PDB file of N, CA and C in Angstrom:
ATOM      1  N   UNK A   1     113.705 128.499 166.408  1.00  0.00           N
ATOM      2  CA  UNK A   1     113.893 129.590 165.478  1.00  0.00           C
ATOM      3  C   UNK A   1     114.756 129.159 164.299  1.00  0.00           C
ATOM      4  N   UNK A   2     115.814 128.412 164.610  1.00  0.00           N
ATOM      5  CA  UNK A   2     116.710 127.941 163.564  1.00  0.00           C
ATOM      6  C   UNK A   2     115.977 127.004 162.607  1.00  0.00           C
ATOM      7  N   UNK A   3     115.084 126.187 163.142  1.00  0.00           N
ATOM      8  CA  UNK A   3     114.311 125.241 162.340  1.00  0.00           C
ATOM      9  C   UNK A   3     113.380 125.986 161.374  1.00  0.00           C
ATOM     10  N   UNK A   4     112.751 127.059 161.807  1.00  0.00           N
ATOM     11  CA  UNK A   4     111.870 127.868 160.947  1.00  0.00           C
ATOM     12  C   UNK A   4     112.682 128.498 159.825  1.00  0.00           C
ATOM     13  N   UNK A   5     113.848 129.029 160.154  1.00  0.00           N
ATOM     14  CA  UNK A   5     114.713 129.648 159.156  1.00  0.00           C
ATOM     15  C   UNK A   5     115.106 128.637 158.073  1.00  0.00           C
ATOM     16  N   UNK A   6     115.489 127.437 158.471  1.00  0.00           N
ATOM     17  CA  UNK A   6     115.867 126.395 157.517  1.00  0.00           C
ATOM     18  C   UNK A   6     114.667 125.992 156.670  1.00  0.00           C
ATOM     19  N   UNK A   7     113.482 125.904 157.278  1.00  0.00           N
ATOM     20  CA  UNK A   7     112.269 125.570 156.526  1.00  0.00           C
ATOM     21  C   UNK A   7     111.953 126.633 155.478  1.00  0.00           C
ATOM     22  N   UNK A   8     112.097 127.901 155.854  1.00  0.00           N
ATOM     23  CA  UNK A   8     111.845 128.999 154.915  1.00  0.00           C
ATOM     24  C   UNK A   8     112.830 128.933 153.750  1.00  0.00           C
ATOM     25  N   UNK A   9     114.100 128.702 154.034  1.00  0.00           N
ATOM     26  CA  UNK A   9     115.125 128.596 152.987  1.00  0.00           C
ATOM     27  C   UNK A   9     114.797 127.432 152.055  1.00  0.00           C
ATOM     28  N   UNK A  10     114.373 126.313 152.614  1.00  0.00           N
ATOM     29  CA  UNK A  10     114.035 125.143 151.810  1.00  0.00           C
ATOM     30  C   UNK A  10     112.851 125.440 150.884  1.00  0.00           C
ATOM     31  N   UNK A  11     111.803 126.069 151.402  1.00  0.00           N
ATOM     32  CA  UNK A  11     110.625 126.400 150.598  1.00  0.00           C
ATOM     33  C   UNK A  11     110.999 127.382 149.480  1.00  0.00           C
ATOM     34  N   UNK A  12     111.791 128.394 149.798  1.00  0.00           N
ATOM     35  CA  UNK A  12     112.225 129.365 148.785  1.00  0.00           C
ATOM     36  C   UNK A  12     113.047 128.675 147.706  1.00  0.00           C
ATOM     37  N   UNK A  13     113.917 127.770 148.091  1.00  0.00           N
ATOM     38  CA  UNK A  13     114.733 127.035 147.120  1.00  0.00           C
ATOM     39  C   UNK A  13     113.876 126.196 146.187  1.00  0.00           C
ATOM     40  N   UNK A  14     112.902 125.519 146.738  1.00  0.00           N
ATOM     41  CA  UNK A  14     112.007 124.685 145.928  1.00  0.00           C
ATOM     42  C   UNK A  14     111.206 125.553 144.964  1.00  0.00           C
ATOM     43  N   UNK A  15     110.656 126.645 145.456  1.00  0.00           N
ATOM     44  CA  UNK A  15     109.889 127.536 144.586  1.00  0.00           C
ATOM     45  C   UNK A  15     110.757 128.142 143.494  1.00  0.00           C
ATOM     46  N   UNK A  16     111.987 128.497 143.811  1.00  0.00           N
ATOM     47  CA  UNK A  16     112.907 129.037 142.811  1.00  0.00           C
ATOM     48  C   UNK A  16     113.217 128.001 141.740  1.00  0.00           C
ATOM     49  N   UNK A  17     113.417 126.774 142.155  1.00  0.00           N
ATOM     50  CA  UNK A  17     113.709 125.702 141.193  1.00  0.00           C
ATOM     51  C   UNK A  17     112.516 125.465 140.284  1.00  0.00           C
ATOM     52  N   UNK A  18     111.319 125.491 140.843  1.00  0.00           N
ATOM     53  CA  UNK A  18     110.119 125.308 140.025  1.00  0.00           C
ATOM     54  C   UNK A  18     109.957 126.454 139.041  1.00  0.00           C
ATOM     55  N   UNK A  19     110.214 127.654 139.472  1.00  0.00           N
ATOM     56  CA  UNK A  19     110.066 128.817 138.612  1.00  0.00           C
ATOM     57  C   UNK A  19     111.087 128.813 137.493  1.00  0.00           C
ATOM     58  N   UNK A  20     112.319 128.426 137.766  1.00  0.00           N
ATOM     59  CA  UNK A  20     113.357 128.448 136.749  1.00  0.00           C
ATOM     60  C   UNK A  20     113.169 127.350 135.714  1.00  0.00           C
ATOM     61  N   UNK A  21     112.445 126.287 136.040  1.00  0.00           N
ATOM     62  CA  UNK A  21     112.236 125.217 135.083  1.00  0.00           C
ATOM     63  C   UNK A  21     111.007 125.441 134.215  1.00  0.00           C
ATOM     64  N   UNK A  22     110.307 126.549 134.425  1.00  0.00           N
ATOM     65  CA  UNK A  22     109.138 126.858 133.622  1.00  0.00           C
ATOM     66  C   UNK A  22     109.568 127.120 132.185  1.00  0.00           C
ATOM     67  N   UNK A  23     108.988 126.406 131.275  1.00  0.00           N
ATOM     68  CA  UNK A  23     109.358 126.508 129.875  1.00  0.00           C
ATOM     69  C   UNK A  23     108.590 127.634 129.193  1.00  0.00           C
ATOM     70  N   UNK A  24     109.309 128.372 128.354  1.00  0.00           N
ATOM     71  CA  UNK A  24     108.646 129.407 127.569  1.00  0.00           C
ATOM     72  C   UNK A  24     108.504 128.975 126.121  1.00  0.00           C
ATOM     73  N   UNK A  25     108.890 127.739 125.805  1.00  0.00           N
ATOM     74  CA  UNK A  25     108.809 127.243 124.444  1.00  0.00           C
ATOM     75  C   UNK A  25     107.353 127.130 124.012  1.00  0.00           C
ATOM     76  N   UNK A  26     107.034 127.772 122.903  1.00  0.00           N
ATOM     77  CA  UNK A  26     105.703 127.641 122.326  1.00  0.00           C
ATOM     78  C   UNK A  26     105.792 127.868 120.825  1.00  0.00           C
ATOM     79  N   UNK A  27     104.868 127.278 120.092  1.00  0.00           N
ATOM     80  CA  UNK A  27     104.813 127.408 118.640  1.00  0.00           C
ATOM     81  C   UNK A  27     103.356 127.286 118.237  1.00  0.00           C
ATOM     82  N   UNK A  28     102.818 128.355 117.669  1.00  0.00           N
ATOM     83  CA  UNK A  28     101.411 128.321 117.295  1.00  0.00           C
ATOM     84  C   UNK A  28     101.163 129.157 116.043  1.00  0.00           C
ATOM     85  N   UNK A  29     100.179 128.720 115.271  1.00  0.00           N
ATOM     86  CA  UNK A  29      99.800 129.463 114.072  1.00  0.00           C
ATOM     87  C   UNK A  29      99.006 130.687 114.497  1.00  0.00           C
ATOM     88  N   UNK A  30      99.271 131.797 113.819  1.00  0.00           N
ATOM     89  CA  UNK A  30      98.506 133.006 114.109  1.00  0.00           C
ATOM     90  C   UNK A  30      97.731 133.416 112.855  1.00  0.00           C
ATOM     91  N   UNK A  31      96.530 133.886 113.072  1.00  0.00           N
ATOM     92  CA  UNK A  31      95.651 134.282 111.975  1.00  0.00           C
ATOM     93  C   UNK A  31      95.809 135.756 111.614  1.00  0.00           C
ATOM     94  N   UNK A  32      95.924 136.601 112.632  1.00  0.00           N
ATOM     95  CA  UNK A  32      96.010 138.045 112.404  1.00  0.00           C
ATOM     96  C   UNK A  32      97.460 138.497 112.536  1.00  0.00           C
ATOM     97  N   UNK A  33      98.102 138.649 111.387  1.00  0.00           N
ATOM     98  CA  UNK A  33      99.505 139.036 111.365  1.00  0.00           C
ATOM     99  C   UNK A  33      99.584 140.556 111.512  1.00  0.00           C
ATOM    100  N   UNK A  34     100.363 141.043 112.486  1.00  0.00           N
ATOM    101  CA  UNK A  34     100.500 142.489 112.665  1.00  0.00           C
ATOM    102  C   UNK A  34     101.033 143.167 111.392  1.00  0.00           C
ATOM    103  N   UNK A  35     100.612 144.405 111.165  1.00  0.00           N
ATOM    104  CA  UNK A  35     101.017 145.136 109.958  1.00  0.00           C
ATOM    105  C   UNK A  35     102.520 145.268 109.825  1.00  0.00           C
ATOM    106  N   UNK A  36     103.227 145.521 110.936  1.00  0.00           N
ATOM    107  CA  UNK A  36     104.680 145.685 110.843  1.00  0.00           C
ATOM    108  C   UNK A  36     105.374 144.384 110.442  1.00  0.00           C
ATOM    109  N   UNK A  37     104.768 143.254 110.734  1.00  0.00           N
ATOM    110  CA  UNK A  37     105.308 141.962 110.301  1.00  0.00           C
ATOM    111  C   UNK A  37     104.948 141.726 108.841  1.00  0.00           C
ATOM    112  N   UNK A  38     103.698 141.985 108.499  1.00  0.00           N
ATOM    113  CA  UNK A  38     103.231 141.798 107.118  1.00  0.00           C
ATOM    114  C   UNK A  38     104.080 142.611 106.141  1.00  0.00           C
ATOM    115  N   UNK A  39     104.509 143.793 106.562  1.00  0.00           N
ATOM    116  CA  UNK A  39     105.349 144.645 105.712  1.00  0.00           C
ATOM    117  C   UNK A  39     106.711 144.017 105.419  1.00  0.00           C
ATOM    118  N   UNK A  40     107.193 143.149 106.295  1.00  0.00           N
ATOM    119  CA  UNK A  40     108.510 142.507 106.136  1.00  0.00           C
ATOM    120  C   UNK A  40     108.449 141.192 105.349  1.00  0.00           C
ATOM    121  N   UNK A  41     107.250 140.663 105.134  1.00  0.00           N
ATOM    122  CA  UNK A  41     107.116 139.367 104.470  1.00  0.00           C
ATOM    123  C   UNK A  41     107.309 139.524 102.968  1.00  0.00           C
ATOM    124  N   UNK A  42     108.161 138.667 102.415  1.00  0.00           N
ATOM    125  CA  UNK A  42     108.404 138.631 100.976  1.00  0.00           C
ATOM    126  C   UNK A  42     107.633 137.440 100.419  1.00  0.00           C
ATOM    127  N   UNK A  43     106.608 137.695  99.630  1.00  0.00           N
ATOM    128  CA  UNK A  43     105.750 136.625  99.121  1.00  0.00           C
ATOM    129  C   UNK A  43     106.467 135.722  98.121  1.00  0.00           C
ATOM    130  N   UNK A  44     107.669 136.077  97.694  1.00  0.00           N
ATOM    131  CA  UNK A  44     108.439 135.239  96.768  1.00  0.00           C
ATOM    132  C   UNK A  44     109.285 134.194  97.488  1.00  0.00           C
ATOM    133  N   UNK A  45     109.349 134.272  98.811  1.00  0.00           N
ATOM    134  CA  UNK A  45     110.175 133.353  99.590  1.00  0.00           C
ATOM    135  C   UNK A  45     109.309 132.290 100.250  1.00  0.00           C
ATOM    136  N   UNK A  46     109.859 131.077 100.330  1.00  0.00           N
ATOM    137  CA  UNK A  46     109.119 129.960 100.905  1.00  0.00           C
ATOM    138  C   UNK A  46     109.157 129.948 102.428  1.00  0.00           C
ATOM    139  N   UNK A  47     110.329 130.271 103.013  1.00  0.00           N
ATOM    140  CA  UNK A  47     110.501 130.144 104.458  1.00  0.00           C
ATOM    141  C   UNK A  47     111.257 131.352 104.999  1.00  0.00           C
ATOM    142  N   UNK A  48     110.632 132.066 105.906  1.00  0.00           N
ATOM    143  CA  UNK A  48     111.235 133.272 106.467  1.00  0.00           C
ATOM    144  C   UNK A  48     111.144 133.249 107.986  1.00  0.00           C
ATOM    145  N   UNK A  49     112.116 133.918 108.604  1.00  0.00           N
ATOM    146  CA  UNK A  49     112.116 134.103 110.049  1.00  0.00           C
ATOM    147  C   UNK A  49     112.214 135.602 110.298  1.00  0.00           C
ATOM    148  N   UNK A  50     111.273 136.134 111.048  1.00  0.00           N
ATOM    149  CA  UNK A  50     111.291 137.548 111.418  1.00  0.00           C
ATOM    150  C   UNK A  50     111.353 137.607 112.930  1.00  0.00           C
ATOM    151  N   UNK A  51     112.503 138.052 113.436  1.00  0.00           N
ATOM    152  CA  UNK A  51     112.724 138.088 114.878  1.00  0.00           C
ATOM    153  C   UNK A  51     112.020 139.280 115.499  1.00  0.00           C
ATOM    154  N   UNK A  52     111.398 139.032 116.628  1.00  0.00           N
ATOM    155  CA  UNK A  52     110.660 140.048 117.360  1.00  0.00           C
ATOM    156  C   UNK A  52     111.372 140.331 118.685  1.00  0.00           C
ATOM    157  N   UNK A  53     112.662 140.631 118.587  1.00  0.00           N
ATOM    158  CA  UNK A  53     113.455 140.887 119.790  1.00  0.00           C
ATOM    159  C   UNK A  53     113.526 139.659 120.663  1.00  0.00           C
ATOM    160  N   UNK A  54     113.549 139.868 121.967  1.00  0.00           N
ATOM    161  CA  UNK A  54     113.622 138.754 122.906  1.00  0.00           C
ATOM    162  C   UNK A  54     112.259 138.105 123.133  1.00  0.00           C
ATOM    163  N   UNK A  55     111.222 138.690 122.553  1.00  0.00           N
ATOM    164  CA  UNK A  55     109.878 138.157 122.743  1.00  0.00           C
ATOM    165  C   UNK A  55     109.679 136.837 122.017  1.00  0.00           C
ATOM    166  N   UNK A  56     110.183 136.734 120.788  1.00  0.00           N
ATOM    167  CA  UNK A  56     109.985 135.533 119.988  1.00  0.00           C
ATOM    168  C   UNK A  56     110.266 135.827 118.530  1.00  0.00           C
ATOM    169  N   UNK A  57     109.808 134.941 117.668  1.00  0.00           N
ATOM    170  CA  UNK A  57     110.041 135.080 116.234  1.00  0.00           C
ATOM    171  C   UNK A  57     108.808 134.641 115.459  1.00  0.00           C
ATOM    172  N   UNK A  58     108.587 135.301 114.338  1.00  0.00           N
ATOM    173  CA  UNK A  58     107.552 134.894 113.402  1.00  0.00           C
ATOM    174  C   UNK A  58     108.198 133.973 112.370  1.00  0.00           C
ATOM    175  N   UNK A  59     107.565 132.849 112.118  1.00  0.00           N
ATOM    176  CA  UNK A  59     108.019 131.922 111.089  1.00  0.00           C
ATOM    177  C   UNK A  59     106.946 131.931 110.003  1.00  0.00           C
ATOM    178  N   UNK A  60     107.350 132.321 108.793  1.00  0.00           N
ATOM    179  CA  UNK A  60     106.416 132.399 107.680  1.00  0.00           C
ATOM    180  C   UNK A  60     106.770 131.288 106.708  1.00  0.00           C
ATOM    181  N   UNK A  61     105.777 130.476 106.383  1.00  0.00           N
ATOM    182  CA  UNK A  61     105.977 129.329 105.517  1.00  0.00           C
ATOM    183  C   UNK A  61     104.904 129.347 104.443  1.00  0.00           C
ATOM    184  N   UNK A  62     105.324 129.233 103.179  1.00  0.00           N
ATOM    185  CA  UNK A  62     104.370 129.240 102.075  1.00  0.00           C
ATOM    186  C   UNK A  62     104.368 127.878 101.398  1.00  0.00           C
ATOM    187  N   UNK A  63     103.174 127.321 101.238  1.00  0.00           N
ATOM    188  CA  UNK A  63     103.020 126.003 100.637  1.00  0.00           C
ATOM    189  C   UNK A  63     101.634 125.893 100.013  1.00  0.00           C
ATOM    190  N   UNK A  64     101.500 124.959  99.103  1.00  0.00           N
ATOM    191  CA  UNK A  64     100.186 124.721  98.503  1.00  0.00           C
ATOM    192  C   UNK A  64      99.452 123.582  99.210  1.00  0.00           C
ATOM    193  N   UNK A  65     100.156 122.799 100.015  1.00  0.00           N
ATOM    194  CA  UNK A  65      99.544 121.665 100.695  1.00  0.00           C
ATOM    195  C   UNK A  65      99.057 121.996 102.090  1.00  0.00           C
ATOM    196  N   UNK A  66      98.436 121.014 102.706  1.00  0.00           N
ATOM    197  CA  UNK A  66      98.012 121.140 104.096  1.00  0.00           C
ATOM    198  C   UNK A  66      99.225 120.904 104.988  1.00  0.00           C
ATOM    199  N   UNK A  67      99.309 121.660 106.070  1.00  0.00           N
ATOM    200  CA  UNK A  67     100.488 121.625 106.931  1.00  0.00           C
ATOM    201  C   UNK A  67     100.139 121.039 108.296  1.00  0.00           C
ATOM    202  N   UNK A  68     100.961 120.094 108.736  1.00  0.00           N
ATOM    203  CA  UNK A  68     100.923 119.607 110.113  1.00  0.00           C
ATOM    204  C   UNK A  68     102.272 119.957 110.714  1.00  0.00           C
ATOM    205  N   UNK A  69     102.254 120.453 111.951  1.00  0.00           N
ATOM    206  CA  UNK A  69     103.500 120.905 112.574  1.00  0.00           C
ATOM    207  C   UNK A  69     103.793 120.143 113.853  1.00  0.00           C
ATOM    208  N   UNK A  70     105.071 120.146 114.185  1.00  0.00           N
ATOM    209  CA  UNK A  70     105.529 119.596 115.449  1.00  0.00           C
ATOM    210  C   UNK A  70     106.810 120.339 115.804  1.00  0.00           C
ATOM    211  N   UNK A  71     107.083 120.471 117.071  1.00  0.00           N
ATOM    212  CA  UNK A  71     108.307 121.127 117.535  1.00  0.00           C
ATOM    213  C   UNK A  71     108.961 120.215 118.560  1.00  0.00           C
ATOM    214  N   UNK A  72     110.257 119.995 118.375  1.00  0.00           N
ATOM    215  CA  UNK A  72     111.017 119.194 119.333  1.00  0.00           C
ATOM    216  C   UNK A  72     112.281 119.952 119.695  1.00  0.00           C
ATOM    217  N   UNK A  73     112.800 119.670 120.872  1.00  0.00           N
ATOM    218  CA  UNK A  73     114.045 120.299 121.308  1.00  0.00           C
ATOM    219  C   UNK A  73     115.046 119.229 121.684  1.00  0.00           C
ATOM    220  N   UNK A  74     116.296 119.573 121.460  1.00  0.00           N
ATOM    221  CA  UNK A  74     117.396 118.711 121.905  1.00  0.00           C
ATOM    222  C   UNK A  74     118.569 119.634 122.172  1.00  0.00           C
ATOM    223  N   UNK A  75     118.958 119.707 123.441  1.00  0.00           N
ATOM    224  CA  UNK A  75     120.047 120.601 123.817  1.00  0.00           C
ATOM    225  C   UNK A  75     119.683 122.046 123.509  1.00  0.00           C
ATOM    226  N   UNK A  76     120.544 122.728 122.730  1.00  0.00           N
ATOM    227  CA  UNK A  76     120.304 124.137 122.413  1.00  0.00           C
ATOM    228  C   UNK A  76     119.538 124.336 121.114  1.00  0.00           C
ATOM    229  N   UNK A  77     119.000 123.242 120.531  1.00  0.00           N
ATOM    230  CA  UNK A  77     118.352 123.311 119.223  1.00  0.00           C
ATOM    231  C   UNK A  77     116.846 123.081 119.322  1.00  0.00           C
ATOM    232  N   UNK A  78     116.096 123.955 118.658  1.00  0.00           N
ATOM    233  CA  UNK A  78     114.659 123.784 118.474  1.00  0.00           C
ATOM    234  C   UNK A  78     114.467 123.351 117.029  1.00  0.00           C
ATOM    235  N   UNK A  79     113.756 122.262 116.812  1.00  0.00           N
ATOM    236  CA  UNK A  79     113.489 121.791 115.458  1.00  0.00           C
ATOM    237  C   UNK A  79     111.995 121.897 115.189  1.00  0.00           C
ATOM    238  N   UNK A  80     111.677 122.674 114.150  1.00  0.00           N
ATOM    239  CA  UNK A  80     110.295 122.820 113.702  1.00  0.00           C
ATOM    240  C   UNK A  80     110.102 121.829 112.561  1.00  0.00           C
ATOM    241  N   UNK A  81     109.086 120.988 112.680  1.00  0.00           N
ATOM    242  CA  UNK A  81     108.800 120.002 111.638  1.00  0.00           C
ATOM    243  C   UNK A  81     107.510 120.384 110.919  1.00  0.00           C
ATOM    244  N   UNK A  82     107.634 120.601 109.610  1.00  0.00           N
ATOM    245  CA  UNK A  82     106.472 120.837 108.756  1.00  0.00           C
ATOM    246  C   UNK A  82     106.261 119.587 107.913  1.00  0.00           C
ATOM    247  N   UNK A  83     105.122 118.958 108.059  1.00  0.00           N
ATOM    248  CA  UNK A  83     104.764 117.821 107.214  1.00  0.00           C
ATOM    249  C   UNK A  83     103.651 118.283 106.290  1.00  0.00           C
ATOM    250  N   UNK A  84     103.948 118.241 104.993  1.00  0.00           N
ATOM    251  CA  UNK A  84     103.045 118.783 103.986  1.00  0.00           C
ATOM    252  C   UNK A  84     102.380 117.646 103.223  1.00  0.00           C
ATOM    253  N   UNK A  85     101.059 117.712 103.123  1.00  0.00           N
ATOM    254  CA  UNK A  85     100.341 116.727 102.314  1.00  0.00           C
ATOM    255  C   UNK A  85     100.252 117.244 100.882  1.00  0.00           C
ATOM    256  N   UNK A  86     100.094 116.329  99.958  1.00  0.00           N
ATOM    257  CA  UNK A  86      99.952 116.697  98.545  1.00  0.00           C
ATOM    258  C   UNK A  86      98.688 117.521  98.363  1.00  0.00           C
ATOM    259  N   UNK A  87      98.785 118.482  97.443  1.00  0.00           N
ATOM    260  CA  UNK A  87      97.655 119.366  97.198  1.00  0.00           C
ATOM    261  C   UNK A  87      97.171 119.207  95.764  1.00  0.00           C
ATOM    262  N   UNK A  88      95.897 119.422  95.573  1.00  0.00           N
ATOM    263  CA  UNK A  88      95.323 119.399  94.232  1.00  0.00           C
ATOM    264  C   UNK A  88      95.533 120.732  93.521  1.00  0.00           C
ATOM    265  N   UNK A  89      95.981 121.719  94.258  1.00  0.00           N
ATOM    266  CA  UNK A  89      96.131 123.076  93.737  1.00  0.00           C
ATOM    267  C   UNK A  89      97.600 123.496  93.792  1.00  0.00           C
ATOM    268  N   UNK A  90      97.959 124.411  92.917  1.00  0.00           N
ATOM    269  CA  UNK A  90      99.303 124.982  92.937  1.00  0.00           C
ATOM    270  C   UNK A  90      99.326 126.348  93.623  1.00  0.00           C
ATOM    271  N   UNK A  91      98.200 126.749  94.162  1.00  0.00           N
ATOM    272  CA  UNK A  91      98.092 128.046  94.809  1.00  0.00           C
ATOM    273  C   UNK A  91      98.798 128.000  96.161  1.00  0.00           C
ATOM    274  N   UNK A  92      99.775 128.893  96.355  1.00  0.00           N
ATOM    275  CA  UNK A  92     100.498 128.952  97.613  1.00  0.00           C
ATOM    276  C   UNK A  92      99.670 129.656  98.677  1.00  0.00           C
ATOM    277  N   UNK A  93      99.711 129.086  99.876  1.00  0.00           N
ATOM    278  CA  UNK A  93      99.056 129.701 101.028  1.00  0.00           C
ATOM    279  C   UNK A  93     100.136 130.087 102.023  1.00  0.00           C
ATOM    280  N   UNK A  94      99.993 131.267 102.582  1.00  0.00           N
ATOM    281  CA  UNK A  94     100.946 131.741 103.587  1.00  0.00           C
ATOM    282  C   UNK A  94     100.482 131.307 104.964  1.00  0.00           C
ATOM    283  N   UNK A  95     101.358 130.616 105.672  1.00  0.00           N
ATOM    284  CA  UNK A  95     101.103 130.215 107.056  1.00  0.00           C
ATOM    285  C   UNK A  95     102.073 130.992 107.927  1.00  0.00           C
ATOM    286  N   UNK A  96     101.556 131.617 108.973  1.00  0.00           N
ATOM    287  CA  UNK A  96     102.401 132.388 109.884  1.00  0.00           C
ATOM    288  C   UNK A  96     102.284 131.791 111.284  1.00  0.00           C
ATOM    289  N   UNK A  97     103.437 131.552 111.877  1.00  0.00           N
ATOM    290  CA  UNK A  97     103.516 130.952 113.206  1.00  0.00           C
ATOM    291  C   UNK A  97     104.323 131.872 114.116  1.00  0.00           C
ATOM    292  N   UNK A  98     104.076 131.767 115.412  1.00  0.00           N
ATOM    293  CA  UNK A  98     104.858 132.520 116.375  1.00  0.00           C
ATOM    294  C   UNK A  98     105.587 131.539 117.271  1.00  0.00           C
ATOM    295  N   UNK A  99     106.906 131.721 117.375  1.00  0.00           N
ATOM    296  CA  UNK A  99     107.766 130.830 118.141  1.00  0.00           C
ATOM    297  C   UNK A  99     108.398 131.593 119.290  1.00  0.00           C
ATOM    298  N   UNK A 100     108.254 131.059 120.493  1.00  0.00           N
ATOM    299  CA  UNK A 100     109.011 131.569 121.632  1.00  0.00           C
ATOM    300  C   UNK A 100     109.872 130.414 122.122  1.00  0.00           C
ATOM    301  N   UNK A 101     111.086 130.741 122.558  1.00  0.00           N
ATOM    302  CA  UNK A 101     112.018 129.705 122.991  1.00  0.00           C
ATOM    303  C   UNK A 101     112.530 130.005 124.387  1.00  0.00           C
ATOM    304  N   UNK A 102     113.163 129.011 124.954  1.00  0.00           N
ATOM    305  CA  UNK A 102     113.837 129.177 126.236  1.00  0.00           C
ATOM    306  C   UNK A 102     115.198 129.820 125.992  1.00  0.00           C
ATOM    307  N   UNK A 103     115.769 130.471 126.986  1.00  0.00           N
ATOM    308  CA  UNK A 103     117.084 131.110 126.812  1.00  0.00           C
ATOM    309  C   UNK A 103     118.195 130.151 126.370  1.00  0.00           C
ATOM    310  N   UNK A 104     118.056 128.864 126.644  1.00  0.00           N
ATOM    311  CA  UNK A 104     119.109 127.915 126.262  1.00  0.00           C
ATOM    312  C   UNK A 104     119.105 127.598 124.771  1.00  0.00           C
ATOM    313  N   UNK A 105     118.030 127.947 124.068  1.00  0.00           N
ATOM    314  CA  UNK A 105     117.917 127.591 122.651  1.00  0.00           C
ATOM    315  C   UNK A 105     118.570 128.650 121.776  1.00  0.00           C
ATOM    316  N   UNK A 106     119.637 128.236 121.085  1.00  0.00           N
ATOM    317  CA  UNK A 106     120.391 129.136 120.209  1.00  0.00           C
ATOM    318  C   UNK A 106     120.184 128.824 118.734  1.00  0.00           C
ATOM    319  N   UNK A 107     119.694 127.638 118.422  1.00  0.00           N
ATOM    320  CA  UNK A 107     119.601 127.177 117.039  1.00  0.00           C
ATOM    321  C   UNK A 107     118.157 126.813 116.715  1.00  0.00           C
ATOM    322  N   UNK A 108     117.703 127.232 115.524  1.00  0.00           N
ATOM    323  CA  UNK A 108     116.385 126.852 115.030  1.00  0.00           C
ATOM    324  C   UNK A 108     116.591 126.108 113.720  1.00  0.00           C
ATOM    325  N   UNK A 109     116.222 124.837 113.695  1.00  0.00           N
ATOM    326  CA  UNK A 109     116.256 124.037 112.473  1.00  0.00           C
ATOM    327  C   UNK A 109     114.826 123.838 111.992  1.00  0.00           C
ATOM    328  N   UNK A 110     114.675 123.724 110.674  1.00  0.00           N
ATOM    329  CA  UNK A 110     113.365 123.455 110.093  1.00  0.00           C
ATOM    330  C   UNK A 110     113.473 122.233 109.201  1.00  0.00           C
ATOM    331  N   UNK A 111     112.573 121.288 109.412  1.00  0.00           N
ATOM    332  CA  UNK A 111     112.476 120.117 108.551  1.00  0.00           C
ATOM    333  C   UNK A 111     111.158 120.197 107.793  1.00  0.00           C
ATOM    334  N   UNK A 112     111.237 120.127 106.461  1.00  0.00           N
ATOM    335  CA  UNK A 112     110.037 120.085 105.626  1.00  0.00           C
ATOM    336  C   UNK A 112     109.965 118.680 105.045  1.00  0.00           C
ATOM    337  N   UNK A 113     108.957 117.938 105.451  1.00  0.00           N
ATOM    338  CA  UNK A 113     108.820 116.524 105.078  1.00  0.00           C
ATOM    339  C   UNK A 113     110.116 115.761 105.337  1.00  0.00           C
ATOM    340  N   UNK A 114     110.735 116.044 106.485  1.00  0.00           N
ATOM    341  CA  UNK A 114     111.924 115.332 106.911  1.00  0.00           C
ATOM    342  C   UNK A 114     113.237 115.862 106.351  1.00  0.00           C
ATOM    343  N   UNK A 115     113.182 116.849 105.469  1.00  0.00           N
ATOM    344  CA  UNK A 115     114.397 117.385 104.848  1.00  0.00           C
ATOM    345  C   UNK A 115     114.767 118.717 105.503  1.00  0.00           C
ATOM    346  N   UNK A 116     116.036 118.822 105.952  1.00  0.00           N
ATOM    347  CA  UNK A 116     116.511 120.063 106.550  1.00  0.00           C
ATOM    348  C   UNK A 116     116.404 121.184 105.520  1.00  0.00           C
ATOM    349  N   UNK A 117     115.714 122.257 105.889  1.00  0.00           N
ATOM    350  CA  UNK A 117     115.446 123.359 104.962  1.00  0.00           C
ATOM    351  C   UNK A 117     115.891 124.664 105.599  1.00  0.00           C
ATOM    352  N   UNK A 118     116.784 125.403 104.921  1.00  0.00           N
ATOM    353  CA  UNK A 118     117.248 126.668 105.497  1.00  0.00           C
ATOM    354  C   UNK A 118     116.209 127.777 105.296  1.00  0.00           C
ATOM    355  N   UNK A 119     116.273 128.786 106.153  1.00  0.00           N
ATOM    356  CA  UNK A 119     115.440 129.972 105.967  1.00  0.00           C
ATOM    357  C   UNK A 119     115.941 130.714 104.737  1.00  0.00           C
ATOM    358  N   UNK A 120     115.013 131.189 103.901  1.00  0.00           N
ATOM    359  CA  UNK A 120     115.377 132.014 102.754  1.00  0.00           C
ATOM    360  C   UNK A 120     115.769 133.415 103.193  1.00  0.00           C
ATOM    361  N   UNK A 121     115.226 133.843 104.329  1.00  0.00           N
ATOM    362  CA  UNK A 121     115.499 135.181 104.843  1.00  0.00           C
ATOM    363  C   UNK A 121     115.317 135.178 106.347  1.00  0.00           C
ATOM    364  N   UNK A 122     116.239 135.870 107.030  1.00  0.00           N
ATOM    365  CA  UNK A 122     116.140 136.091 108.471  1.00  0.00           C
ATOM    366  C   UNK A 122     116.278 137.584 108.689  1.00  0.00           C
ATOM    367  N   UNK A 123     115.236 138.205 109.236  1.00  0.00           N
ATOM    368  CA  UNK A 123     115.257 139.649 109.486  1.00  0.00           C
ATOM    369  C   UNK A 123     114.717 139.916 110.883  1.00  0.00           C
ATOM    370  N   UNK A 124     114.780 141.167 111.265  1.00  0.00           N
ATOM    371  CA  UNK A 124     114.261 141.579 112.571  1.00  0.00           C
ATOM    372  C   UNK A 124     113.286 142.736 112.379  1.00  0.00           C
ATOM    373  N   UNK A 125     112.391 142.868 113.323  1.00  0.00           N
ATOM    374  CA  UNK A 125     111.443 143.993 113.300  1.00  0.00           C
ATOM    375  C   UNK A 125     112.125 145.245 113.757  1.00  0.00           C
TER     376      UNK A 125
END
């Protein structure tokens, strides 16, 4: 009986450890921006963050070039990397991304072509 109890405790511990290490970090471009988010976007700003409570954040980036993205983490920091290719046009395109982070992430940095770039605006829904 004691052996079964110890086995059950061991299995529960392993499952708990696996569950707690599940990452919620994600970053993806979204095509259909909700109306309540669209209402908060300022088309005169290049880089905006609109927080969606504990669910995640919308990152709005305006550029005339093609965008390649990458996200890396180190400690409590999430770094979003935007690599922009040269464009033949000066027409700005709005790119909207949705970011979810793990509870340990307190800082969001953005690099545009390797240069640290601050958000022009940070708001909440």
